[in-house]
Amino acid sequence: MAMEATDIERLIKEALPDAQVSIEDLAGDGDHYSAHVISQTFEGMNRVQQHQLVYNALQGRMGGELHALALQTSVPNNDT
């Protein structure tokens, strides 16, 4: 059972309300996505901690409804 990009975005934004989320369906099959998540919440976290936070937001759907997610995370660039 495939997962919609909008559902992935919604789950991430529920867990990280300030997040800017960009989702791309890599194979057109609803199973392989790329996500770029930018959130101030990631400040002070290492990359593994950031990714764990996003995977936790998906509420156990990784490996089931969502087969693969190439994930990029970052803190907003506040340069003006």
PDB file of N, CA and C in Angstrom:
ATOM      1  N   MET A   1       0.848  -1.181   0.000  1.00  0.00           N
ATOM      2  CA  MET A   1       0.000   0.000   0.000  1.00  0.00           C
ATOM      3  C   MET A   1       0.897   1.250   0.000  1.00  0.00           C
ATOM      4  N   ALA A   2       0.727   2.077  -0.967  1.00  0.00           N
ATOM      5  CA  ALA A   2       1.555   3.279  -1.133  1.00  0.00           C
ATOM      6  C   ALA A   2       1.080   4.408  -0.221  1.00  0.00           C
ATOM      7  N   MET A   3       1.954   5.387  -0.067  1.00  0.00           N
ATOM      8  CA  MET A   3       1.650   6.545   0.769  1.00  0.00           C
ATOM      9  C   MET A   3       1.727   7.800  -0.090  1.00  0.00           C
ATOM     10  N   GLU A   4       0.822   8.717   0.118  1.00  0.00           N
ATOM     11  CA  GLU A   4       0.800   9.972  -0.632  1.00  0.00           C
ATOM     12  C   GLU A   4       1.813  10.957  -0.070  1.00  0.00           C
ATOM     13  N   ALA A   5       2.414  11.751  -0.942  1.00  0.00           N
ATOM     14  CA  ALA A   5       3.371  12.779  -0.526  1.00  0.00           C
ATOM     15  C   ALA A   5       2.718  13.760   0.446  1.00  0.00           C
ATOM     16  N   THR A   6       1.465  14.072   0.238  1.00  0.00           N
ATOM     17  CA  THR A   6       0.774  15.005   1.126  1.00  0.00           C
ATOM     18  C   THR A   6       0.642  14.453   2.540  1.00  0.00           C
ATOM     19  N   ASP A   7       0.497  13.123   2.653  1.00  0.00           N
ATOM     20  CA  ASP A   7       0.419  12.497   3.973  1.00  0.00           C
ATOM     21  C   ASP A   7       1.768  12.566   4.692  1.00  0.00           C
ATOM     22  N   ILE A   8       2.848  12.354   3.960  1.00  0.00           N
ATOM     23  CA  ILE A   8       4.186  12.453   4.543  1.00  0.00           C
ATOM     24  C   ILE A   8       4.407  13.874   5.054  1.00  0.00           C
ATOM     25  N   GLU A   9       4.090  14.847   4.219  1.00  0.00           N
ATOM     26  CA  GLU A   9       4.261  16.250   4.599  1.00  0.00           C
ATOM     27  C   GLU A   9       3.416  16.592   5.830  1.00  0.00           C
ATOM     28  N   ARG A  10       2.180  16.142   5.851  1.00  0.00           N
ATOM     29  CA  ARG A  10       1.279  16.422   6.972  1.00  0.00           C
ATOM     30  C   ARG A  10       1.831  15.850   8.283  1.00  0.00           C
ATOM     31  N   LEU A  11       2.294  14.611   8.260  1.00  0.00           N
ATOM     32  CA  LEU A  11       2.822  13.983   9.466  1.00  0.00           C
ATOM     33  C   LEU A  11       4.058  14.719   9.986  1.00  0.00           C
ATOM     34  N   ILE A  12       4.925  15.110   9.066  1.00  0.00           N
ATOM     35  CA  ILE A  12       6.135  15.833   9.474  1.00  0.00           C
ATOM     36  C   ILE A  12       5.768  17.188  10.077  1.00  0.00           C
ATOM     37  N   LYS A  13       4.836  17.889   9.441  1.00  0.00           N
ATOM     38  CA  LYS A  13       4.446  19.215   9.939  1.00  0.00           C
ATOM     39  C   LYS A  13       3.671  19.135  11.250  1.00  0.00           C
ATOM     40  N   GLU A  14       2.986  18.028  11.500  1.00  0.00           N
ATOM     41  CA  GLU A  14       2.318  17.858  12.787  1.00  0.00           C
ATOM     42  C   GLU A  14       3.354  17.745  13.901  1.00  0.00           C
ATOM     43  N   ALA A  15       4.459  17.074  13.628  1.00  0.00           N
ATOM     44  CA  ALA A  15       5.509  16.889  14.629  1.00  0.00           C
ATOM     45  C   ALA A  15       6.436  18.101  14.713  1.00  0.00           C
ATOM     46  N   LEU A  16       6.631  18.778  13.584  1.00  0.00           N
ATOM     47  CA  LEU A  16       7.528  19.933  13.496  1.00  0.00           C
ATOM     48  C   LEU A  16       6.772  21.079  12.836  1.00  0.00           C
ATOM     49  N   PRO A  17       5.925  21.776  13.583  1.00  0.00           N
ATOM     50  CA  PRO A  17       5.044  22.792  12.993  1.00  0.00           C
ATOM     51  C   PRO A  17       5.750  23.893  12.206  1.00  0.00           C
ATOM     52  N   ASP A  18       7.007  24.200  12.543  1.00  0.00           N
ATOM     53  CA  ASP A  18       7.720  25.267  11.841  1.00  0.00           C
ATOM     54  C   ASP A  18       8.423  24.766  10.570  1.00  0.00           C
ATOM     55  N   ALA A  19       8.343  23.469  10.307  1.00  0.00           N
ATOM     56  CA  ALA A  19       9.123  22.865   9.219  1.00  0.00           C
ATOM     57  C   ALA A  19       8.703  23.348   7.838  1.00  0.00           C
ATOM     58  N   GLN A  20       9.707  23.520   7.012  1.00  0.00           N
ATOM     59  CA  GLN A  20       9.507  23.685   5.572  1.00  0.00           C
ATOM     60  C   GLN A  20       9.797  22.310   4.992  1.00  0.00           C
ATOM     61  N   VAL A  21       8.827  21.734   4.307  1.00  0.00           N
ATOM     62  CA  VAL A  21       8.946  20.358   3.833  1.00  0.00           C
ATOM     63  C   VAL A  21       8.779  20.318   2.321  1.00  0.00           C
ATOM     64  N   SER A  22       9.721  19.667   1.674  1.00  0.00           N
ATOM     65  CA  SER A  22       9.661  19.462   0.227  1.00  0.00           C
ATOM     66  C   SER A  22       9.747  17.965  -0.034  1.00  0.00           C
ATOM     67  N   ILE A  23       8.743  17.413  -0.707  1.00  0.00           N
ATOM     68  CA  ILE A  23       8.671  15.974  -0.964  1.00  0.00           C
ATOM     69  C   ILE A  23       8.691  15.742  -2.476  1.00  0.00           C
ATOM     70  N   GLU A  24       9.467  14.746  -2.899  1.00  0.00           N
ATOM     71  CA  GLU A  24       9.518  14.364  -4.313  1.00  0.00           C
ATOM     72  C   GLU A  24       9.326  12.853  -4.426  1.00  0.00           C
ATOM     73  N   ASP A  25       8.410  12.422  -5.290  1.00  0.00           N
ATOM     74  CA  ASP A  25       8.197  11.000  -5.558  1.00  0.00           C
ATOM     75  C   ASP A  25       9.254  10.571  -6.567  1.00  0.00           C
ATOM     76  N   LEU A  26      10.233   9.797  -6.130  1.00  0.00           N
ATOM     77  CA  LEU A  26      11.388   9.474  -6.963  1.00  0.00           C
ATOM     78  C   LEU A  26      11.091   8.488  -8.081  1.00  0.00           C
ATOM     79  N   ALA A  27      10.156   7.569  -7.857  1.00  0.00           N
ATOM     80  CA  ALA A  27       9.893   6.528  -8.843  1.00  0.00           C
ATOM     81  C   ALA A  27       8.479   6.578  -9.419  1.00  0.00           C
ATOM     82  N   GLY A  28       7.660   7.498  -8.913  1.00  0.00           N
ATOM     83  CA  GLY A  28       6.280   7.596  -9.390  1.00  0.00           C
ATOM     84  C   GLY A  28       5.391   6.474  -8.877  1.00  0.00           C
ATOM     85  N   ASP A  29       5.872   5.748  -7.860  1.00  0.00           N
ATOM     86  CA  ASP A  29       5.117   4.601  -7.368  1.00  0.00           C
ATOM     87  C   ASP A  29       4.524   4.788  -5.973  1.00  0.00           C
ATOM     88  N   GLY A  30       4.767   5.955  -5.362  1.00  0.00           N
ATOM     89  CA  GLY A  30       4.245   6.205  -4.028  1.00  0.00           C
ATOM     90  C   GLY A  30       4.972   5.434  -2.939  1.00  0.00           C
ATOM     91  N   ASP A  31       6.092   4.815  -3.271  1.00  0.00           N
ATOM     92  CA  ASP A  31       6.869   4.039  -2.303  1.00  0.00           C
ATOM     93  C   ASP A  31       8.267   4.587  -2.072  1.00  0.00           C
ATOM     94  N   HIS A  32       8.769   5.373  -3.008  1.00  0.00           N
ATOM     95  CA  HIS A  32      10.145   5.871  -2.945  1.00  0.00           C
ATOM     96  C   HIS A  32      10.141   7.391  -3.055  1.00  0.00           C
ATOM     97  N   TYR A  33      10.436   8.034  -1.932  1.00  0.00           N
ATOM     98  CA  TYR A  33      10.375   9.490  -1.872  1.00  0.00           C
ATOM     99  C   TYR A  33      11.709  10.085  -1.447  1.00  0.00           C
ATOM    100  N   SER A  34      11.853  11.343  -1.771  1.00  0.00           N
ATOM    101  CA  SER A  34      12.931  12.173  -1.254  1.00  0.00           C
ATOM    102  C   SER A  34      12.263  13.304  -0.490  1.00  0.00           C
ATOM    103  N   ALA A  35      12.812  13.626   0.683  1.00  0.00           N
ATOM    104  CA  ALA A  35      12.260  14.709   1.488  1.00  0.00           C
ATOM    105  C   ALA A  35      13.376  15.620   1.960  1.00  0.00           C
ATOM    106  N   HIS A  36      13.139  16.913   1.882  1.00  0.00           N
ATOM    107  CA  HIS A  36      14.044  17.903   2.462  1.00  0.00           C
ATOM    108  C   HIS A  36      13.231  18.630   3.516  1.00  0.00           C
ATOM    109  N   VAL A  37      13.715  18.568   4.753  1.00  0.00           N
ATOM    110  CA  VAL A  37      13.002  19.157   5.881  1.00  0.00           C
ATOM    111  C   VAL A  37      13.916  20.191   6.533  1.00  0.00           C
ATOM    112  N   ILE A  38      13.421  21.413   6.627  1.00  0.00           N
ATOM    113  CA  ILE A  38      14.152  22.505   7.264  1.00  0.00           C
ATOM    114  C   ILE A  38      13.355  22.918   8.495  1.00  0.00           C
ATOM    115  N   SER A  39      14.008  22.881   9.660  1.00  0.00           N
ATOM    116  CA  SER A  39      13.312  23.236  10.896  1.00  0.00           C
ATOM    117  C   SER A  39      14.289  23.785  11.920  1.00  0.00           C
ATOM    118  N   GLN A  40      13.873  24.807  12.628  1.00  0.00           N
ATOM    119  CA  GLN A  40      14.675  25.364  13.715  1.00  0.00           C
ATOM    120  C   GLN A  40      14.830  24.345  14.846  1.00  0.00           C
ATOM    121  N   THR A  41      13.901  23.412  14.943  1.00  0.00           N
ATOM    122  CA  THR A  41      13.956  22.367  15.960  1.00  0.00           C
ATOM    123  C   THR A  41      15.260  21.573  15.879  1.00  0.00           C
ATOM    124  N   PHE A  42      15.846  21.494  14.693  1.00  0.00           N
ATOM    125  CA  PHE A  42      17.074  20.725  14.499  1.00  0.00           C
ATOM    126  C   PHE A  42      18.317  21.408  15.077  1.00  0.00           C
ATOM    127  N   GLU A  43      18.184  22.667  15.478  1.00  0.00           N
ATOM    128  CA  GLU A  43      19.322  23.416  16.026  1.00  0.00           C
ATOM    129  C   GLU A  43      19.968  22.626  17.160  1.00  0.00           C
ATOM    130  N   GLY A  44      21.283  22.423  17.085  1.00  0.00           N
ATOM    131  CA  GLY A  44      22.030  21.730  18.127  1.00  0.00           C
ATOM    132  C   GLY A  44      21.994  20.213  18.042  1.00  0.00           C
ATOM    133  N   MET A  45      21.227  19.666  17.102  1.00  0.00           N
ATOM    134  CA  MET A  45      21.158  18.212  16.930  1.00  0.00           C
ATOM    135  C   MET A  45      22.133  17.778  15.849  1.00  0.00           C
ATOM    136  N   ASN A  46      22.670  16.562  16.001  1.00  0.00           N
ATOM    137  CA  ASN A  46      23.471  16.026  14.902  1.00  0.00           C
ATOM    138  C   ASN A  46      22.527  15.445  13.843  1.00  0.00           C
ATOM    139  N   ARG A  47      23.085  15.080  12.721  1.00  0.00           N
ATOM    140  CA  ARG A  47      22.274  14.613  11.581  1.00  0.00           C
ATOM    141  C   ARG A  47      21.444  13.380  11.950  1.00  0.00           C
ATOM    142  N   VAL A  48      22.019  12.451  12.701  1.00  0.00           N
ATOM    143  CA  VAL A  48      21.278  11.241  13.092  1.00  0.00           C
ATOM    144  C   VAL A  48      20.070  11.613  13.950  1.00  0.00           C
ATOM    145  N   GLN A  49      20.243  12.512  14.894  1.00  0.00           N
ATOM    146  CA  GLN A  49      19.132  12.945  15.741  1.00  0.00           C
ATOM    147  C   GLN A  49      18.039  13.632  14.923  1.00  0.00           C
ATOM    148  N   GLN A  50      18.447  14.446  13.950  1.00  0.00           N
ATOM    149  CA  GLN A  50      17.480  15.115  13.077  1.00  0.00           C
ATOM    150  C   GLN A  50      16.664  14.090  12.302  1.00  0.00           C
ATOM    151  N   HIS A  51      17.339  13.104  11.731  1.00  0.00           N
ATOM    152  CA  HIS A  51      16.646  12.084  10.934  1.00  0.00           C
ATOM    153  C   HIS A  51      15.726  11.241  11.810  1.00  0.00           C
ATOM    154  N   GLN A  52      16.179  10.906  13.025  1.00  0.00           N
ATOM    155  CA  GLN A  52      15.330  10.138  13.931  1.00  0.00           C
ATOM    156  C   GLN A  52      14.049  10.901  14.260  1.00  0.00           C
ATOM    157  N   LEU A  53      14.160  12.203  14.429  1.00  0.00           N
ATOM    158  CA  LEU A  53      12.994  13.031  14.720  1.00  0.00           C
ATOM    159  C   LEU A  53      11.976  12.956  13.576  1.00  0.00           C
ATOM    160  N   VAL A  54      12.476  13.031  12.350  1.00  0.00           N
ATOM    161  CA  VAL A  54      11.582  12.951  11.183  1.00  0.00           C
ATOM    162  C   VAL A  54      10.984  11.549  11.064  1.00  0.00           C
ATOM    163  N   TYR A  55      11.800  10.511  11.221  1.00  0.00           N
ATOM    164  CA  TYR A  55      11.276   9.144  11.132  1.00  0.00           C
ATOM    165  C   TYR A  55      10.232   8.883  12.215  1.00  0.00           C
ATOM    166  N   ASN A  56      10.453   9.412  13.419  1.00  0.00           N
ATOM    167  CA  ASN A  56       9.453   9.271  14.484  1.00  0.00           C
ATOM    168  C   ASN A  56       8.148   9.963  14.107  1.00  0.00           C
ATOM    169  N   ALA A  57       8.250  11.078  13.397  1.00  0.00           N
ATOM    170  CA  ALA A  57       7.050  11.802  12.961  1.00  0.00           C
ATOM    171  C   ALA A  57       6.198  10.961  12.008  1.00  0.00           C
ATOM    172  N   LEU A  58       6.828  10.025  11.320  1.00  0.00           N
ATOM    173  CA  LEU A  58       6.100   9.181  10.362  1.00  0.00           C
ATOM    174  C   LEU A  58       5.360   8.038  11.043  1.00  0.00           C
ATOM    175  N   GLN A  59       5.438   7.973  12.346  1.00  0.00           N
ATOM    176  CA  GLN A  59       4.621   7.077  13.170  1.00  0.00           C
ATOM    177  C   GLN A  59       4.655   5.616  12.725  1.00  0.00           C
ATOM    178  N   GLY A  60       5.840   5.091  12.472  1.00  0.00           N
ATOM    179  CA  GLY A  60       5.990   3.677  12.150  1.00  0.00           C
ATOM    180  C   GLY A  60       5.655   3.285  10.723  1.00  0.00           C
ATOM    181  N   ARG A  61       5.434   4.245   9.855  1.00  0.00           N
ATOM    182  CA  ARG A  61       5.069   3.917   8.472  1.00  0.00           C
ATOM    183  C   ARG A  61       6.267   3.535   7.597  1.00  0.00           C
ATOM    184  N   MET A  62       7.485   3.879   8.063  1.00  0.00           N
ATOM    185  CA  MET A  62       8.679   3.494   7.305  1.00  0.00           C
ATOM    186  C   MET A  62       8.775   1.971   7.284  1.00  0.00           C
ATOM    187  N   GLY A  63       9.043   1.435   6.098  1.00  0.00           N
ATOM    188  CA  GLY A  63       9.158  -0.007   5.961  1.00  0.00           C
ATOM    189  C   GLY A  63       7.815  -0.684   5.706  1.00  0.00           C
ATOM    190  N   GLY A  64       6.736   0.057   5.847  1.00  0.00           N
ATOM    191  CA  GLY A  64       5.398  -0.472   5.578  1.00  0.00           C
ATOM    192  C   GLY A  64       4.789   0.278   4.416  1.00  0.00           C
ATOM    193  N   GLU A  65       3.951   1.264   4.747  1.00  0.00           N
ATOM    194  CA  GLU A  65       3.333   2.094   3.710  1.00  0.00           C
ATOM    195  C   GLU A  65       4.374   2.864   2.918  1.00  0.00           C
ATOM    196  N   LEU A  66       5.448   3.224   3.583  1.00  0.00           N
ATOM    197  CA  LEU A  66       6.511   4.014   2.960  1.00  0.00           C
ATOM    198  C   LEU A  66       7.762   3.155   2.899  1.00  0.00           C
ATOM    199  N   HIS A  67       8.119   2.739   1.699  1.00  0.00           N
ATOM    200  CA  HIS A  67       9.232   1.806   1.521  1.00  0.00           C
ATOM    201  C   HIS A  67      10.593   2.482   1.674  1.00  0.00           C
ATOM    202  N   ALA A  68      10.771   3.644   1.051  1.00  0.00           N
ATOM    203  CA  ALA A  68      12.078   4.309   1.081  1.00  0.00           C
ATOM    204  C   ALA A  68      11.904   5.829   1.126  1.00  0.00           C
ATOM    205  N   LEU A  69      12.742   6.460   1.941  1.00  0.00           N
ATOM    206  CA  LEU A  69      12.729   7.911   2.049  1.00  0.00           C
ATOM    207  C   LEU A  69      14.162   8.412   2.111  1.00  0.00           C
ATOM    208  N   ALA A  70      14.603   9.068   1.047  1.00  0.00           N
ATOM    209  CA  ALA A  70      15.912   9.725   1.042  1.00  0.00           C
ATOM    210  C   ALA A  70      15.704  11.053   1.752  1.00  0.00           C
ATOM    211  N   LEU A  71      16.380  11.241   2.864  1.00  0.00           N
ATOM    212  CA  LEU A  71      16.087  12.362   3.745  1.00  0.00           C
ATOM    213  C   LEU A  71      17.253  13.331   3.859  1.00  0.00           C
ATOM    214  N   GLN A  72      16.939  14.613   3.689  1.00  0.00           N
ATOM    215  CA  GLN A  72      17.881  15.706   3.941  1.00  0.00           C
ATOM    216  C   GLN A  72      17.243  16.589   4.986  1.00  0.00           C
ATOM    217  N   THR A  73      18.019  16.941   6.002  1.00  0.00           N
ATOM    218  CA  THR A  73      17.513  17.831   7.040  1.00  0.00           C
ATOM    219  C   THR A  73      18.488  18.981   7.229  1.00  0.00           C
ATOM    220  N   SER A  74      17.957  20.121   7.632  1.00  0.00           N
ATOM    221  CA  SER A  74      18.818  21.274   7.903  1.00  0.00           C
ATOM    222  C   SER A  74      18.077  22.289   8.774  1.00  0.00           C
ATOM    223  N   VAL A  75      18.880  23.191   9.321  1.00  0.00           N
ATOM    224  CA  VAL A  75      18.367  24.308  10.115  1.00  0.00           C
ATOM    225  C   VAL A  75      18.206  25.485   9.158  1.00  0.00           C
ATOM    226  N   PRO A  76      17.178  26.322   9.350  1.00  0.00           N
ATOM    227  CA  PRO A  76      17.013  27.484   8.452  1.00  0.00           C
ATOM    228  C   PRO A  76      18.252  28.356   8.438  1.00  0.00           C
ATOM    229  N   ASN A  77      18.549  28.894   7.281  1.00  0.00           N
ATOM    230  CA  ASN A  77      19.653  29.839   7.126  1.00  0.00           C
ATOM    231  C   ASN A  77      19.096  31.209   7.453  1.00  0.00           C
ATOM    232  N   ASN A  78      19.537  31.774   8.555  1.00  0.00           N
ATOM    233  CA  ASN A  78      19.008  33.054   9.014  1.00  0.00           C
ATOM    234  C   ASN A  78      19.854  34.244   8.568  1.00  0.00           C
ATOM    235  N   ASP A  79      20.727  34.042   7.595  1.00  0.00           N
ATOM    236  CA  ASP A  79      21.537  35.145   7.080  1.00  0.00           C
ATOM    237  C   ASP A  79      20.657  36.160   6.366  1.00  0.00           C
ATOM    238  N   THR A  80      20.905  37.426   6.630  1.00  0.00           N
ATOM    239  CA  THR A  80      20.137  38.469   5.934  1.00  0.00           C
ATOM    240  C   THR A  80      21.052  39.420   5.254  1.00  0.00           C
TER     241      THR A  80
END
